[in-house]
Structures are given as C-alpha cells and as structure tokens.
Amino acid sequence: MNAETMMGTELRGLRRRRPEIAGTVLAGTDGLLISSDLPTTDATHLAALAAASFGLGHRMAATVRQGEFHESVVHTAAGCVVTYPAGRDALLTLVADPGADLAALRAEARGVVHRAGPALAACRRPTLLPHPPDPHAPLATRTPMATLPNERPHRDPRITWRRPPI
C-alpha cells in the first residue's frame, strides 16, 4: 500500500471514529498541501498556515527548552483547529466542531500520525541538503553563503559607470 492510499484510509477512519471533525488537512512542513477533504482553496491556505503555526510552535518549544513541539491549538468561536507533526516532514491539521473532546481527539490523532509518519517519510523526495543545518550553529556555518570565498571580486577597469548616490 502506498502512502497516499494509507493516508486516505487513516483520515477516513479518523473522521468515522470522531464525528466532531469537520475537516482534515495533511501538509508538508513547507506548507504545501498533500491531502485534504476541505475545499481546495481553504485546504491550500490552511496547509500554509499550519506550517507557519508549526514553525512558531517549534521555535517556542526550543526557546523555552521544554521538549519537542507536540501540537498547536487555535480555539475559535465556532470550534478549534489543531495541528500535529506527522513524522519529520508532514503536519496533520484537524478542524473540529465546538464542544469537541480535545483529549480524545489528541489520542486518536497521535495514533494516526505515529502510523502515517513513517509511510510519509519513506515516500518523500530526497532533499538537497543531506542533513538539516544545526539551528544553534553560528550563522556563517548554517547558511549557503558560508561556502563562498571571502575575497572581493576584482573590478574590471574598463567599466567606468557607477551607481549615482542616493
């Protein structure tokens, strides 16, 4: 079974077991939509927002040194939106109706992401970088510009035009 089929089965099962879920979005941590049962425009926007929420939550968790990021919850007047990491490169976002039992929803969703994470990681495309840069390394070592030589390029003496002062 491929990852897309497995995710479809998992998300349909989650919706069957938890009727208070109004919609699901599976997205990459880069904000690109993988799968959803919401209207396309809403799903695309929610995928990007989920990635932003994950980035902020991940950064907050690292700043306060309280362990790994587990979820973000946004309560609204008409329910809530919960985002969970699904493996290393994906996010599961659930839109829940008001009065949803978030503890039970959390248990169900974590089961789905623990089963789905390895399947998504197995089918993901290789990245350009073999390892993600260490976020605590000096800036010069974690940016692509660090590989450039430190010398200034030599100016061609035949070029006489210069930018006017601002």
C-alpha atoms as a PDB file:
ATOM      1  CA  MET A   1       0.000   0.000   0.000  1.00  0.00           C
ATOM      2  CA  ASN A   2       1.416   3.386  -0.956  1.00  0.00           C
ATOM      3  CA  ALA A   3       1.499   6.353   1.423  1.00  0.00           C
ATOM      4  CA  GLU A   4      -1.344   8.225  -0.302  1.00  0.00           C
ATOM      5  CA  THR A   5      -3.707   5.253  -0.027  1.00  0.00           C
ATOM      6  CA  MET A   6      -2.680   4.665   3.580  1.00  0.00           C
ATOM      7  CA  MET A   7      -3.256   8.318   4.473  1.00  0.00           C
ATOM      8  CA  GLY A   8      -6.663   8.339   2.804  1.00  0.00           C
ATOM      9  CA  THR A   9      -7.650   5.243   4.766  1.00  0.00           C
ATOM     10  CA  GLU A  10      -6.306   6.685   8.027  1.00  0.00           C
ATOM     11  CA  LEU A  11      -8.065  10.044   7.572  1.00  0.00           C
ATOM     12  CA  ARG A  12     -11.391   8.424   6.614  1.00  0.00           C
ATOM     13  CA  GLY A  13     -11.126   6.172   9.665  1.00  0.00           C
ATOM     14  CA  LEU A  14     -10.370   9.141  11.903  1.00  0.00           C
ATOM     15  CA  ARG A  15     -13.407  11.021  10.558  1.00  0.00           C
ATOM     16  CA  ARG A  16     -15.582   7.931  11.131  1.00  0.00           C
ATOM     17  CA  ARG A  17     -14.396   7.490  14.732  1.00  0.00           C
ATOM     18  CA  ARG A  18     -14.515  11.213  15.584  1.00  0.00           C
ATOM     19  CA  PRO A  19     -17.638  12.775  14.021  1.00  0.00           C
ATOM     20  CA  GLU A  20     -16.811  16.178  15.546  1.00  0.00           C
ATOM     21  CA  ILE A  21     -14.003  16.581  12.994  1.00  0.00           C
ATOM     22  CA  ALA A  22     -15.265  18.914  10.279  1.00  0.00           C
ATOM     23  CA  GLY A  23     -12.200  18.632   8.032  1.00  0.00           C
ATOM     24  CA  THR A  24      -8.653  17.336   7.743  1.00  0.00           C
ATOM     25  CA  VAL A  25      -5.552  18.658   6.014  1.00  0.00           C
ATOM     26  CA  LEU A  26      -2.281  16.817   5.553  1.00  0.00           C
ATOM     27  CA  ALA A  27       0.533  19.156   4.559  1.00  0.00           C
ATOM     28  CA  GLY A  28       4.287  19.256   4.396  1.00  0.00           C
ATOM     29  CA  THR A  29       6.197  21.312   6.940  1.00  0.00           C
ATOM     30  CA  ASP A  30       6.981  23.567   3.976  1.00  0.00           C
ATOM     31  CA  GLY A  31       3.277  24.484   3.753  1.00  0.00           C
ATOM     32  CA  LEU A  32       2.486  22.538   0.582  1.00  0.00           C
ATOM     33  CA  LEU A  33      -0.778  20.604   0.540  1.00  0.00           C
ATOM     34  CA  ILE A  34      -0.515  16.797   0.426  1.00  0.00           C
ATOM     35  CA  SER A  35      -4.117  15.725   1.015  1.00  0.00           C
ATOM     36  CA  SER A  36      -7.365  17.186   2.327  1.00  0.00           C
ATOM     37  CA  ASP A  37     -11.108  16.787   2.454  1.00  0.00           C
ATOM     38  CA  LEU A  38     -11.719  20.547   2.628  1.00  0.00           C
ATOM     39  CA  PRO A  39     -12.418  22.745  -0.417  1.00  0.00           C
ATOM     40  CA  THR A  40      -9.173  23.211  -2.373  1.00  0.00           C
ATOM     41  CA  THR A  41      -8.696  26.924  -1.689  1.00  0.00           C
ATOM     42  CA  ASP A  42      -9.315  26.538   2.037  1.00  0.00           C
ATOM     43  CA  ALA A  43      -7.047  23.494   2.198  1.00  0.00           C
ATOM     44  CA  THR A  44      -4.184  25.256   0.421  1.00  0.00           C
ATOM     45  CA  HIS A  45      -4.386  28.252   2.752  1.00  0.00           C
ATOM     46  CA  LEU A  46      -4.765  26.081   5.843  1.00  0.00           C
ATOM     47  CA  ALA A  47      -1.730  23.992   4.811  1.00  0.00           C
ATOM     48  CA  ALA A  48       0.402  27.144   4.628  1.00  0.00           C
ATOM     49  CA  LEU A  49      -0.952  28.458   7.939  1.00  0.00           C
ATOM     50  CA  ALA A  50      -0.376  25.094   9.617  1.00  0.00           C
ATOM     51  CA  ALA A  51       3.268  25.195   8.542  1.00  0.00           C
ATOM     52  CA  ALA A  52       3.615  28.713   9.952  1.00  0.00           C
ATOM     53  CA  SER A  53       1.956  27.623  13.201  1.00  0.00           C
ATOM     54  CA  PHE A  54       4.269  24.617  13.385  1.00  0.00           C
ATOM     55  CA  GLY A  55       7.305  26.818  12.811  1.00  0.00           C
ATOM     56  CA  LEU A  56       6.296  29.190  15.598  1.00  0.00           C
ATOM     57  CA  GLY A  57       5.415  26.364  17.977  1.00  0.00           C
ATOM     58  CA  HIS A  58       8.642  24.526  17.224  1.00  0.00           C
ATOM     59  CA  ARG A  59      10.639  27.704  17.819  1.00  0.00           C
ATOM     60  CA  MET A  60       8.790  28.450  21.081  1.00  0.00           C
ATOM     61  CA  ALA A  61       9.419  24.923  22.347  1.00  0.00           C
ATOM     62  CA  ALA A  62      13.114  25.272  21.541  1.00  0.00           C
ATOM     63  CA  THR A  63      13.294  28.712  23.186  1.00  0.00           C
ATOM     64  CA  VAL A  64      11.777  27.625  26.495  1.00  0.00           C
ATOM     65  CA  ARG A  65      13.625  24.283  26.439  1.00  0.00           C
ATOM     66  CA  GLN A  66      10.517  22.344  27.472  1.00  0.00           C
ATOM     67  CA  GLY A  67      10.914  19.473  24.996  1.00  0.00           C
ATOM     68  CA  GLU A  68       9.661  18.838  21.484  1.00  0.00           C
ATOM     69  CA  PHE A  69       6.670  20.521  19.861  1.00  0.00           C
ATOM     70  CA  HIS A  70       3.587  18.249  20.033  1.00  0.00           C
ATOM     71  CA  GLU A  71       0.631  20.293  18.827  1.00  0.00           C
ATOM     72  CA  SER A  72      -0.827  23.732  18.330  1.00  0.00           C
ATOM     73  CA  VAL A  73      -4.454  24.523  19.128  1.00  0.00           C
ATOM     74  CA  VAL A  74      -6.387  27.553  17.934  1.00  0.00           C
ATOM     75  CA  HIS A  75      -9.755  27.978  19.640  1.00  0.00           C
ATOM     76  CA  THR A  76     -12.350  29.908  17.665  1.00  0.00           C
ATOM     77  CA  ALA A  77     -15.945  30.938  18.310  1.00  0.00           C
ATOM     78  CA  ALA A  78     -17.109  28.012  16.165  1.00  0.00           C
ATOM     79  CA  GLY A  79     -14.688  25.248  17.233  1.00  0.00           C
ATOM     80  CA  CYS A  80     -10.951  24.760  17.022  1.00  0.00           C
ATOM     81  CA  VAL A  81      -8.081  23.959  14.668  1.00  0.00           C
ATOM     82  CA  VAL A  82      -5.403  21.554  15.901  1.00  0.00           C
ATOM     83  CA  THR A  83      -2.090  20.832  14.156  1.00  0.00           C
ATOM     84  CA  TYR A  84       0.121  17.823  14.938  1.00  0.00           C
ATOM     85  CA  PRO A  85       3.502  16.931  13.419  1.00  0.00           C
ATOM     86  CA  ALA A  86       3.226  13.714  11.359  1.00  0.00           C
ATOM     87  CA  GLY A  87       6.745  12.391  11.124  1.00  0.00           C
ATOM     88  CA  ARG A  88       9.627  14.644  10.227  1.00  0.00           C
ATOM     89  CA  ASP A  89       8.205  16.359   7.148  1.00  0.00           C
ATOM     90  CA  ALA A  90       4.402  16.473   7.454  1.00  0.00           C
ATOM     91  CA  LEU A  91       1.632  18.033   9.522  1.00  0.00           C
ATOM     92  CA  LEU A  92      -1.877  16.819  10.265  1.00  0.00           C
ATOM     93  CA  THR A  93      -4.378  19.625  10.831  1.00  0.00           C
ATOM     94  CA  LEU A  94      -7.882  18.931  12.098  1.00  0.00           C
ATOM     95  CA  VAL A  95     -10.802  21.349  12.060  1.00  0.00           C
ATOM     96  CA  ALA A  96     -13.131  20.401  14.922  1.00  0.00           C
ATOM     97  CA  ASP A  97     -16.650  21.456  15.820  1.00  0.00           C
ATOM     98  CA  PRO A  98     -17.381  23.297  19.087  1.00  0.00           C
ATOM     99  CA  GLY A  99     -17.506  21.064  22.126  1.00  0.00           C
ATOM    100  CA  ALA A 100     -15.009  18.564  20.683  1.00  0.00           C
ATOM    101  CA  ASP A 101     -13.305  16.404  23.294  1.00  0.00           C
ATOM    102  CA  LEU A 102      -9.736  17.547  22.647  1.00  0.00           C
ATOM    103  CA  ALA A 103      -8.174  14.897  24.898  1.00  0.00           C
ATOM    104  CA  ALA A 104      -9.861  12.061  22.990  1.00  0.00           C
ATOM    105  CA  LEU A 105      -9.141  13.806  19.689  1.00  0.00           C
ATOM    106  CA  ARG A 106      -5.477  14.123  20.669  1.00  0.00           C
ATOM    107  CA  ALA A 107      -5.213  10.397  21.386  1.00  0.00           C
ATOM    108  CA  GLU A 108      -6.809   9.474  18.046  1.00  0.00           C
ATOM    109  CA  ALA A 109      -4.760  11.981  16.046  1.00  0.00           C
ATOM    110  CA  ARG A 110      -1.470  10.954  17.621  1.00  0.00           C
ATOM    111  CA  GLY A 111      -2.219   7.348  16.704  1.00  0.00           C
ATOM    112  CA  VAL A 112      -2.774   8.407  13.098  1.00  0.00           C
ATOM    113  CA  VAL A 113       0.420  10.483  12.917  1.00  0.00           C
ATOM    114  CA  HIS A 114       2.522   7.727  14.502  1.00  0.00           C
ATOM    115  CA  ARG A 115       1.297   5.274  11.852  1.00  0.00           C
ATOM    116  CA  ALA A 116       1.427   7.770   8.981  1.00  0.00           C
ATOM    117  CA  GLY A 117       4.755   9.467   9.728  1.00  0.00           C
ATOM    118  CA  PRO A 118       6.976   6.540   8.661  1.00  0.00           C
ATOM    119  CA  ALA A 119       4.927   5.971   5.489  1.00  0.00           C
ATOM    120  CA  LEU A 120       5.230   9.643   4.523  1.00  0.00           C
ATOM    121  CA  ALA A 121       8.951   9.692   5.296  1.00  0.00           C
ATOM    122  CA  ALA A 122       9.506   6.596   3.139  1.00  0.00           C
ATOM    123  CA  CYS A 123       7.957   8.194   0.058  1.00  0.00           C
ATOM    124  CA  ARG A 124       9.330  11.723   0.429  1.00  0.00           C
ATOM    125  CA  ARG A 125      11.732  13.025  -2.155  1.00  0.00           C
ATOM    126  CA  PRO A 126      15.372  13.432  -1.162  1.00  0.00           C
ATOM    127  CA  THR A 127      16.296  16.948  -0.158  1.00  0.00           C
ATOM    128  CA  LEU A 128      19.206  18.988  -1.453  1.00  0.00           C
ATOM    129  CA  LEU A 129      20.870  19.057   1.955  1.00  0.00           C
ATOM    130  CA  PRO A 130      21.890  15.670   3.392  1.00  0.00           C
ATOM    131  CA  HIS A 131      21.213  16.892   6.936  1.00  0.00           C
ATOM    132  CA  PRO A 132      19.266  19.904   8.138  1.00  0.00           C
ATOM    133  CA  PRO A 133      21.546  22.639   9.463  1.00  0.00           C
ATOM    134  CA  ASP A 134      22.007  22.827  13.214  1.00  0.00           C
ATOM    135  CA  PRO A 135      19.841  25.773  14.348  1.00  0.00           C
ATOM    136  CA  HIS A 136      22.313  26.545  17.147  1.00  0.00           C
ATOM    137  CA  ALA A 137      25.387  26.670  14.883  1.00  0.00           C
ATOM    138  CA  PRO A 138      26.888  30.057  14.046  1.00  0.00           C
ATOM    139  CA  LEU A 139      25.074  31.801  11.219  1.00  0.00           C
ATOM    140  CA  ALA A 140      28.097  31.590   8.920  1.00  0.00           C
ATOM    141  CA  THR A 141      28.082  27.779   9.051  1.00  0.00           C
ATOM    142  CA  ARG A 142      24.330  27.270   8.566  1.00  0.00           C
ATOM    143  CA  THR A 143      23.822  29.450   5.510  1.00  0.00           C
ATOM    144  CA  PRO A 144      24.675  28.636   1.908  1.00  0.00           C
ATOM    145  CA  MET A 145      26.631  31.889   1.639  1.00  0.00           C
ATOM    146  CA  ALA A 146      29.187  30.481   4.085  1.00  0.00           C
ATOM    147  CA  THR A 147      30.625  28.422   1.220  1.00  0.00           C
ATOM    148  CA  LEU A 148      31.534  31.466  -0.855  1.00  0.00           C
ATOM    149  CA  PRO A 149      35.105  32.755  -0.761  1.00  0.00           C
ATOM    150  CA  ASN A 150      35.750  35.759   1.443  1.00  0.00           C
ATOM    151  CA  GLU A 151      37.624  37.634  -1.283  1.00  0.00           C
ATOM    152  CA  ARG A 152      36.029  40.553  -3.095  1.00  0.00           C
ATOM    153  CA  PRO A 153      35.792  40.090  -6.841  1.00  0.00           C
ATOM    154  CA  HIS A 154      38.179  42.223  -8.847  1.00  0.00           C
ATOM    155  CA  ARG A 155      36.550  45.077 -10.724  1.00  0.00           C
ATOM    156  CA  ASP A 156      37.023  45.302 -14.471  1.00  0.00           C
ATOM    157  CA  PRO A 157      38.968  48.565 -15.051  1.00  0.00           C
ATOM    158  CA  ARG A 158      37.157  49.129 -18.366  1.00  0.00           C
ATOM    159  CA  ILE A 159      33.820  49.649 -16.579  1.00  0.00           C
ATOM    160  CA  THR A 160      33.557  53.319 -15.619  1.00  0.00           C
ATOM    161  CA  TRP A 161      29.851  53.634 -14.808  1.00  0.00           C
ATOM    162  CA  ARG A 162      28.970  53.862 -11.124  1.00  0.00           C
ATOM    163  CA  ARG A 163      25.623  53.964  -9.408  1.00  0.00           C
ATOM    164  CA  PRO A 164      24.622  57.520  -8.539  1.00  0.00           C
ATOM    165  CA  PRO A 165      24.445  58.336  -4.818  1.00  0.00           C
ATOM    166  CA  ILE A 166      21.067  58.032  -3.172  1.00  0.00           C
END
